[in-house]
Amino acid sequence: MSRQTSPVIHAVAPTSLESWFGHFVDLGPQDRIVFTGEDHHVDVAPLLGAIGRTPRATVVFHSSHTTLGRDQLLAFRLRELGHRAECQSRLCASLGSDKILMKEFFDRYRLVSPPWARAGEPLPAAGPDTPVVIKDRHGTQSVGTRLARAGECDLAPNEMSELYVDGIEYSVLIYRDEHGTATFPPVWKGATSPDLVPPWQRLRLCPSPALGGTWERKLRAVGKRLADLAEAHGYLEVEFLLTRSGEAHLLEINPRVSGTMRLAAMATQLPIFSLHARPELRDHLCAARFSGEVPYSGDPITDADGEVFATSRLTVAGESPDEVRAKLRELGAEPRALPRAS
């Protein structure tokens, strides 16, 4: 296993990771974890305190949606002080922070995604009764998202509309740096519905027994191309919609810590937060287990040996989808039917 010789400081923004981050990272004797929180204020002091008197350390930023810009500023300051900083690229962060810039990017490179429009513009191929999804251009986790009819939606300046499309949602997690690109097994997130139930409130499974090898290779390949075009550095979650007519639509990209990372980590059994120090872990990474998760509101659970973790979602792993479903039921969750193998 390849490791960096300088100390590594993991700067972790999402507070939801505090209970489980340490179980999915390889730490050396001098390595440290600093939970930076999600405030917009730029404060490099906690990171310098963790670095101590080390002349040159590597700081790996694990950003949330709200800290992508802040962490870039912190990384810039650390580099000025002679340290190495692993942080998302400016281009990729800007695309993940602004859905209109993201859709323009998809259009520029002819990446297939649902038709869309800005405020004051007609939505292409939409009649007055066509259902459309209204999104906040800077929103995340479906905040501000709603369904409307094309002839009735009145967009605010900070909103965009997108044609509603039926299909099955998947996510592909990508890791990219100067050593190459790694793609993780696609995560099955279930069917879309006019209720607009967000994926994090549904059953999710990795890998999906319903996704054939041809589609898996295609989703991984599109995800890799998108990461290259966006100059991603670090993690990028690419969200897809597979339609009933056999088309793959890009929905969004998330260039930060995403909700599917724990699923991917448990399915591959890899230290997902240490890939910067594992250049041999590139190309298409394979699943060693099945993992699944459902929404959760009970007490937190951290059981690495039992392959059970619970925060706002209950995530488990097992040898088969049936074992995953049985574990979820034992813990009081009732997953709906898992997809059948194709």
Protein backbone atom coordinates (compact mmCIF):
# COMPACT_ATOMS: atom_id res chain seq x y z
CA MET A 1 0.00 0.00 0.00
CA SER A 2 1.37 3.39 -1.05
CA ARG A 3 1.34 6.14 1.58
CA GLN A 4 2.51 9.71 1.68
CA THR A 5 5.44 10.36 4.02
CA SER A 6 4.22 13.77 5.23
CA PRO A 7 1.49 13.98 7.88
CA VAL A 8 -2.04 14.11 6.51
CA ILE A 9 -4.67 16.41 8.01
CA HIS A 10 -8.25 15.58 7.02
CA ALA A 11 -10.34 18.76 7.07
CA VAL A 12 -13.91 17.46 7.29
CA ALA A 13 -16.79 19.92 6.85
CA PRO A 14 -20.06 17.91 7.08
CA THR A 15 -21.04 17.47 10.71
CA SER A 16 -22.92 14.29 9.75
CA LEU A 17 -19.55 12.53 9.25
CA GLU A 18 -18.32 12.97 12.81
CA SER A 19 -19.56 9.56 14.00
CA TRP A 20 -18.38 7.44 11.06
CA PHE A 21 -15.61 9.21 9.12
CA GLY A 22 -12.87 7.50 11.11
CA HIS A 23 -14.02 4.04 10.03
CA PHE A 24 -13.46 4.77 6.31
CA VAL A 25 -10.03 6.39 6.35
CA ASP A 26 -6.47 5.07 6.77
CA LEU A 27 -4.65 7.14 9.39
CA GLY A 28 -0.91 7.10 9.96
CA PRO A 29 0.67 7.82 13.37
CA GLN A 30 0.95 11.56 12.66
CA ASP A 31 -2.29 11.97 10.73
CA ARG A 32 -5.15 13.99 12.19
CA ILE A 33 -8.85 14.66 11.61
CA VAL A 34 -10.12 18.23 12.05
CA PHE A 35 -13.86 18.81 11.84
CA THR A 36 -14.14 22.29 10.38
CA GLY A 37 -17.93 22.70 10.41
CA GLU A 38 -20.01 24.31 7.70
CA ASP A 39 -19.73 27.99 8.57
CA HIS A 40 -18.75 30.27 5.69
CA HIS A 41 -16.12 32.00 7.83
CA VAL A 42 -12.56 31.31 6.69
CA ASP A 43 -10.37 30.32 9.62
CA VAL A 44 -7.09 28.54 8.97
CA ALA A 45 -6.05 28.46 12.65
CA PRO A 46 -7.53 25.00 13.52
CA LEU A 47 -5.71 23.45 10.59
CA LEU A 48 -2.42 25.14 11.48
CA GLY A 49 -2.88 23.90 15.05
CA ALA A 50 -3.25 20.33 13.81
CA ILE A 51 -0.22 20.69 11.55
CA GLY A 52 1.88 21.97 14.46
CA ARG A 53 5.53 22.52 13.59
CA THR A 54 5.55 20.14 10.65
CA PRO A 55 7.30 22.01 7.82
CA ARG A 56 5.14 20.45 5.11
CA ALA A 57 1.86 18.64 5.60
CA THR A 58 -0.86 17.41 3.27
CA VAL A 59 -4.34 18.76 4.03
CA VAL A 60 -7.21 16.86 2.38
CA PHE A 61 -10.47 18.82 2.25
CA HIS A 62 -13.76 16.91 2.49
CA SER A 63 -16.20 19.68 1.60
CA SER A 64 -19.96 20.04 1.94
CA HIS A 65 -22.15 21.90 -0.55
CA THR A 66 -21.90 25.11 1.48
CA THR A 67 -18.12 24.99 2.06
CA LEU A 68 -16.81 24.39 -1.47
CA GLY A 69 -15.81 28.05 -1.88
CA ARG A 70 -14.59 28.43 1.70
CA ASP A 71 -12.38 25.36 1.47
CA GLN A 72 -10.80 26.63 -1.73
CA LEU A 73 -9.76 29.79 0.11
CA LEU A 74 -8.37 27.74 3.00
CA ALA A 75 -6.45 25.55 0.54
CA PHE A 76 -4.98 28.65 -1.13
CA ARG A 77 -3.75 30.00 2.22
CA LEU A 78 -2.19 26.67 3.18
CA ARG A 79 -0.36 26.43 -0.14
CA GLU A 80 1.02 29.92 0.43
CA LEU A 81 2.44 28.60 3.71
CA GLY A 82 4.18 25.72 1.92
CA HIS A 83 1.72 22.92 2.62
CA ARG A 84 0.02 20.63 0.12
CA ALA A 85 -3.77 20.94 -0.14
CA GLU A 86 -6.06 18.42 -1.85
CA CYS A 87 -9.20 20.38 -2.71
CA GLN A 88 -11.90 20.40 -5.39
CA SER A 89 -11.12 22.37 -8.56
CA ARG A 90 -12.60 25.84 -9.02
CA LEU A 91 -14.45 24.82 -12.18
CA CYS A 92 -15.97 21.71 -10.64
CA ALA A 93 -16.96 23.55 -7.45
CA SER A 94 -18.68 26.31 -9.43
CA LEU A 95 -20.69 23.77 -11.43
CA GLY A 96 -21.80 21.98 -8.28
CA SER A 97 -22.84 25.26 -6.64
CA ASP A 98 -24.95 26.62 -9.50
CA LYS A 99 -27.47 24.45 -11.37
CA ILE A 100 -27.75 26.91 -14.27
CA LEU A 101 -24.00 26.86 -14.84
CA MET A 102 -24.21 23.06 -14.59
CA LYS A 103 -26.94 22.79 -17.22
CA GLU A 104 -25.07 25.17 -19.53
CA PHE A 105 -22.01 22.95 -19.10
CA PHE A 106 -24.03 19.84 -20.01
CA ASP A 107 -25.35 21.60 -23.13
CA ARG A 108 -21.92 22.85 -24.17
CA TYR A 109 -20.51 19.33 -24.27
CA ARG A 110 -23.72 17.75 -25.61
CA LEU A 111 -24.27 15.70 -22.48
CA VAL A 112 -27.86 14.47 -22.50
CA SER A 113 -30.02 15.89 -19.70
CA PRO A 114 -33.71 16.86 -19.35
CA PRO A 115 -34.67 20.08 -21.22
CA TRP A 116 -34.55 23.17 -19.02
CA ALA A 117 -35.15 26.92 -18.97
CA ARG A 118 -34.29 30.01 -16.92
CA ALA A 119 -36.85 32.38 -15.45
CA GLY A 120 -38.72 34.15 -18.24
CA GLU A 121 -37.84 31.56 -20.88
CA PRO A 122 -40.15 28.91 -22.39
CA LEU A 123 -39.27 25.32 -21.60
CA PRO A 124 -38.42 23.45 -24.83
CA ALA A 125 -40.89 20.73 -25.93
CA ALA A 126 -43.34 21.54 -23.13
CA GLY A 127 -47.05 22.22 -23.54
CA PRO A 128 -49.08 24.14 -20.93
CA ASP A 129 -49.99 20.96 -19.00
CA THR A 130 -46.53 19.35 -19.15
CA PRO A 131 -45.18 18.62 -15.64
CA VAL A 132 -41.96 20.43 -14.87
CA VAL A 133 -39.62 20.45 -11.87
CA ILE A 134 -38.74 23.84 -10.38
CA LYS A 135 -35.31 24.04 -8.72
CA ASP A 136 -33.37 26.65 -6.79
CA ARG A 137 -30.22 27.27 -8.85
CA HIS A 138 -28.08 27.18 -5.67
CA GLY A 139 -30.09 24.57 -3.76
CA THR A 140 -29.12 21.10 -2.57
CA GLN A 141 -30.87 18.01 -1.17
CA SER A 142 -34.09 19.02 -2.99
CA VAL A 143 -34.58 22.17 -0.86
CA GLY A 144 -36.91 24.47 -2.78
CA THR A 145 -37.77 21.84 -5.39
CA ARG A 146 -41.40 21.57 -6.48
CA LEU A 147 -43.56 20.24 -9.32
CA ALA A 148 -45.69 22.51 -11.51
CA ARG A 149 -47.35 22.70 -14.92
CA ALA A 150 -45.34 24.43 -17.62
CA GLY A 151 -48.14 26.91 -18.32
CA GLU A 152 -48.53 27.84 -14.67
CA CYS A 153 -45.02 27.98 -13.22
CA ASP A 154 -43.83 31.48 -12.29
CA LEU A 155 -40.11 31.29 -11.67
CA ALA A 156 -38.21 33.54 -9.30
CA PRO A 157 -34.92 34.99 -10.60
CA ASN A 158 -32.96 32.35 -8.65
CA GLU A 159 -34.94 29.41 -10.06
CA MET A 160 -34.90 27.21 -13.17
CA SER A 161 -37.38 24.76 -14.65
CA GLU A 162 -36.65 21.28 -15.93
CA LEU A 163 -38.87 18.81 -17.77
CA TYR A 164 -40.13 16.08 -15.43
CA VAL A 165 -39.04 12.64 -16.70
CA ASP A 166 -40.08 9.21 -15.42
CA GLY A 167 -37.33 6.65 -14.91
CA ILE A 168 -34.93 4.98 -12.49
CA GLU A 169 -32.27 7.04 -10.75
CA TYR A 170 -28.65 5.98 -10.28
CA SER A 171 -25.52 7.65 -8.95
CA VAL A 172 -21.93 6.95 -9.89
CA LEU A 173 -19.22 8.10 -7.53
CA ILE A 174 -15.98 9.23 -9.20
CA TYR A 175 -12.59 9.97 -7.67
CA ARG A 176 -10.08 11.87 -9.83
CA ASP A 177 -6.62 13.31 -9.18
CA GLU A 178 -3.20 13.47 -10.82
CA HIS A 179 -2.83 9.69 -10.45
CA GLY A 180 -5.92 8.90 -12.53
CA THR A 181 -9.63 8.30 -12.14
CA ALA A 182 -11.53 5.71 -10.10
CA THR A 183 -15.19 4.86 -10.64
CA PHE A 184 -17.32 3.12 -8.02
CA PRO A 185 -20.23 0.72 -8.64
CA PRO A 186 -23.45 2.55 -9.53
CA VAL A 187 -25.92 3.12 -6.69
CA TRP A 188 -29.57 2.27 -7.42
CA LYS A 189 -31.89 4.93 -6.01
CA GLY A 190 -35.29 3.82 -7.26
CA ALA A 191 -37.95 5.36 -9.48
CA THR A 192 -38.84 9.00 -9.85
CA SER A 193 -42.39 10.04 -9.01
CA PRO A 194 -44.52 13.18 -9.27
CA ASP A 195 -44.32 13.37 -5.45
CA LEU A 196 -40.65 14.32 -5.92
CA VAL A 197 -39.51 12.14 -3.02
CA PRO A 198 -35.75 12.84 -2.93
CA PRO A 199 -33.37 9.86 -3.28
CA TRP A 200 -32.04 10.21 0.28
CA GLN A 201 -35.57 9.49 1.54
CA ARG A 202 -35.84 6.21 -0.40
CA LEU A 203 -34.28 2.78 -0.28
CA ARG A 204 -30.85 2.79 -2.00
CA LEU A 205 -28.65 -0.15 -2.95
CA CYS A 206 -25.07 -0.65 -4.15
CA PRO A 207 -24.42 -2.37 -6.49
CA SER A 208 -27.74 -2.80 -8.25
CA PRO A 209 -28.64 -6.34 -9.33
CA ALA A 210 -31.06 -4.79 -11.85
CA LEU A 211 -28.41 -2.89 -13.81
CA GLY A 212 -26.78 -4.95 -16.54
CA GLY A 213 -23.08 -4.85 -17.33
CA THR A 214 -23.57 -2.78 -20.49
CA TRP A 215 -25.39 -0.02 -18.66
CA GLU A 216 -22.94 -0.12 -15.76
CA ARG A 217 -19.99 0.38 -18.12
CA LYS A 218 -21.81 3.21 -19.88
CA LEU A 219 -22.65 5.07 -16.67
CA ARG A 220 -19.10 4.70 -15.41
CA ALA A 221 -17.69 5.92 -18.75
CA VAL A 222 -19.97 8.97 -18.88
CA GLY A 223 -19.12 9.77 -15.27
CA LYS A 224 -15.40 9.56 -16.00
CA ARG A 225 -15.72 11.81 -19.06
CA LEU A 226 -17.69 14.35 -17.09
CA ALA A 227 -15.09 14.36 -14.30
CA ASP A 228 -12.38 15.00 -16.89
CA LEU A 229 -14.33 17.81 -18.56
CA ALA A 230 -15.06 19.44 -15.19
CA GLU A 231 -11.41 19.07 -14.10
CA ALA A 232 -12.57 17.36 -10.93
CA HIS A 233 -10.04 16.95 -8.14
CA GLY A 234 -11.33 14.62 -5.48
CA TYR A 235 -14.84 13.21 -5.37
CA LEU A 236 -17.64 13.84 -7.81
CA GLU A 237 -21.07 12.20 -7.60
CA VAL A 238 -22.78 11.98 -10.99
CA GLU A 239 -26.57 11.51 -10.91
CA PHE A 240 -28.31 9.71 -13.77
CA LEU A 241 -31.86 8.93 -14.82
CA LEU A 242 -32.48 5.87 -17.00
CA THR A 243 -35.74 6.35 -18.89
CA ARG A 244 -38.18 3.66 -19.96
CA SER A 245 -37.20 4.29 -23.58
CA GLY A 246 -33.59 3.38 -22.81
CA GLU A 247 -31.96 6.82 -22.56
CA ALA A 248 -29.48 7.92 -19.92
CA HIS A 249 -30.07 11.51 -18.75
CA LEU A 250 -27.64 13.42 -16.57
CA LEU A 251 -29.47 15.03 -13.66
CA GLU A 252 -26.81 16.73 -11.54
CA ILE A 253 -23.25 16.54 -10.29
CA ASN A 254 -22.17 16.88 -6.66
CA PRO A 255 -18.45 17.71 -6.32
CA ARG A 256 -18.32 17.22 -2.53
CA VAL A 257 -19.07 14.66 0.15
CA SER A 258 -22.29 13.07 -1.07
CA GLY A 259 -24.96 10.89 0.49
CA THR A 260 -23.94 7.81 -1.48
CA MET A 261 -20.32 7.71 -0.29
CA ARG A 262 -21.00 5.48 2.73
CA LEU A 263 -22.90 3.02 0.51
CA ALA A 264 -20.02 2.90 -1.98
CA ALA A 265 -17.44 2.53 0.80
CA MET A 266 -19.29 -0.37 2.41
CA ALA A 267 -19.90 -2.11 -0.91
CA THR A 268 -16.25 -1.90 -2.00
CA GLN A 269 -14.77 -2.23 1.52
CA LEU A 270 -12.30 0.53 0.68
CA PRO A 271 -11.00 3.45 2.81
CA ILE A 272 -12.93 5.89 0.66
CA PHE A 273 -11.50 9.02 2.31
CA SER A 274 -7.88 7.96 1.69
CA LEU A 275 -7.80 7.49 -2.07
CA HIS A 276 -5.41 10.44 -2.40
CA ALA A 277 -2.76 8.16 -0.81
CA ARG A 278 -3.75 5.03 -2.74
CA PRO A 279 -2.79 5.66 -6.39
CA GLU A 280 -3.15 1.93 -7.12
CA LEU A 281 -6.90 2.25 -6.52
CA ARG A 282 -7.93 3.71 -9.86
CA ASP A 283 -9.93 2.57 -12.92
CA HIS A 284 -13.21 0.67 -12.27
CA LEU A 285 -13.43 -0.41 -8.63
CA CYS A 286 -15.52 -3.50 -7.96
CA ALA A 287 -18.01 -4.28 -5.21
CA ALA A 288 -17.01 -6.87 -2.62
CA ARG A 289 -20.34 -6.74 -0.73
CA PHE A 290 -23.88 -5.48 -1.17
CA SER A 291 -24.90 -2.39 0.78
CA GLY A 292 -28.27 -0.78 1.29
CA GLU A 293 -29.79 2.07 3.24
CA VAL A 294 -33.09 3.68 4.19
CA PRO A 295 -34.08 6.88 6.04
CA TYR A 296 -33.51 6.66 9.77
CA SER A 297 -34.57 8.67 12.82
CA GLY A 298 -33.37 6.54 15.75
CA ASP A 299 -30.27 6.72 17.93
CA PRO A 300 -26.94 6.84 16.04
CA ILE A 301 -25.32 3.46 15.39
CA THR A 302 -21.63 2.82 14.75
CA ASP A 303 -20.96 -0.90 14.41
CA ALA A 304 -18.08 -1.45 12.01
CA ASP A 305 -17.78 -5.18 12.78
CA GLY A 306 -21.50 -5.71 12.16
CA GLU A 307 -21.41 -3.50 9.06
CA VAL A 308 -24.11 -1.17 10.41
CA PHE A 309 -23.96 2.62 10.53
CA ALA A 310 -26.84 4.99 11.21
CA THR A 311 -27.10 8.78 11.18
CA SER A 312 -30.01 10.28 9.22
CA ARG A 313 -29.81 7.08 7.13
CA LEU A 314 -29.40 3.47 8.21
CA THR A 315 -26.70 1.80 6.09
CA VAL A 316 -25.86 -1.92 6.24
CA ALA A 317 -23.82 -4.38 4.20
CA GLY A 318 -24.08 -8.11 3.52
CA GLU A 319 -23.26 -10.92 1.13
CA SER A 320 -26.49 -10.54 -0.86
CA PRO A 321 -29.44 -8.18 -1.34
CA ASP A 322 -31.54 -10.56 0.75
CA GLU A 323 -29.08 -10.34 3.65
CA VAL A 324 -29.12 -6.55 3.36
CA ARG A 325 -32.92 -6.54 3.48
CA ALA A 326 -32.94 -8.90 6.48
CA LYS A 327 -30.51 -6.66 8.40
CA LEU A 328 -32.62 -3.59 7.74
CA ARG A 329 -35.71 -5.40 9.00
CA GLU A 330 -33.92 -6.61 12.13
CA LEU A 331 -33.10 -2.98 12.91
CA GLY A 332 -36.70 -1.88 12.56
CA ALA A 333 -36.63 -0.64 8.96
CA GLU A 334 -38.98 -1.98 6.31
CA PRO A 335 -37.36 -1.66 2.90
CA ARG A 336 -39.63 -1.89 -0.08
CA ALA A 337 -38.91 -4.50 -2.74
CA LEU A 338 -35.38 -4.52 -4.04
CA PRO A 339 -34.83 -4.48 -7.80
CA ARG A 340 -34.63 -7.83 -9.54
CA ALA A 341 -31.48 -8.99 -11.27
CA SER A 342 -31.49 -8.40 -15.01
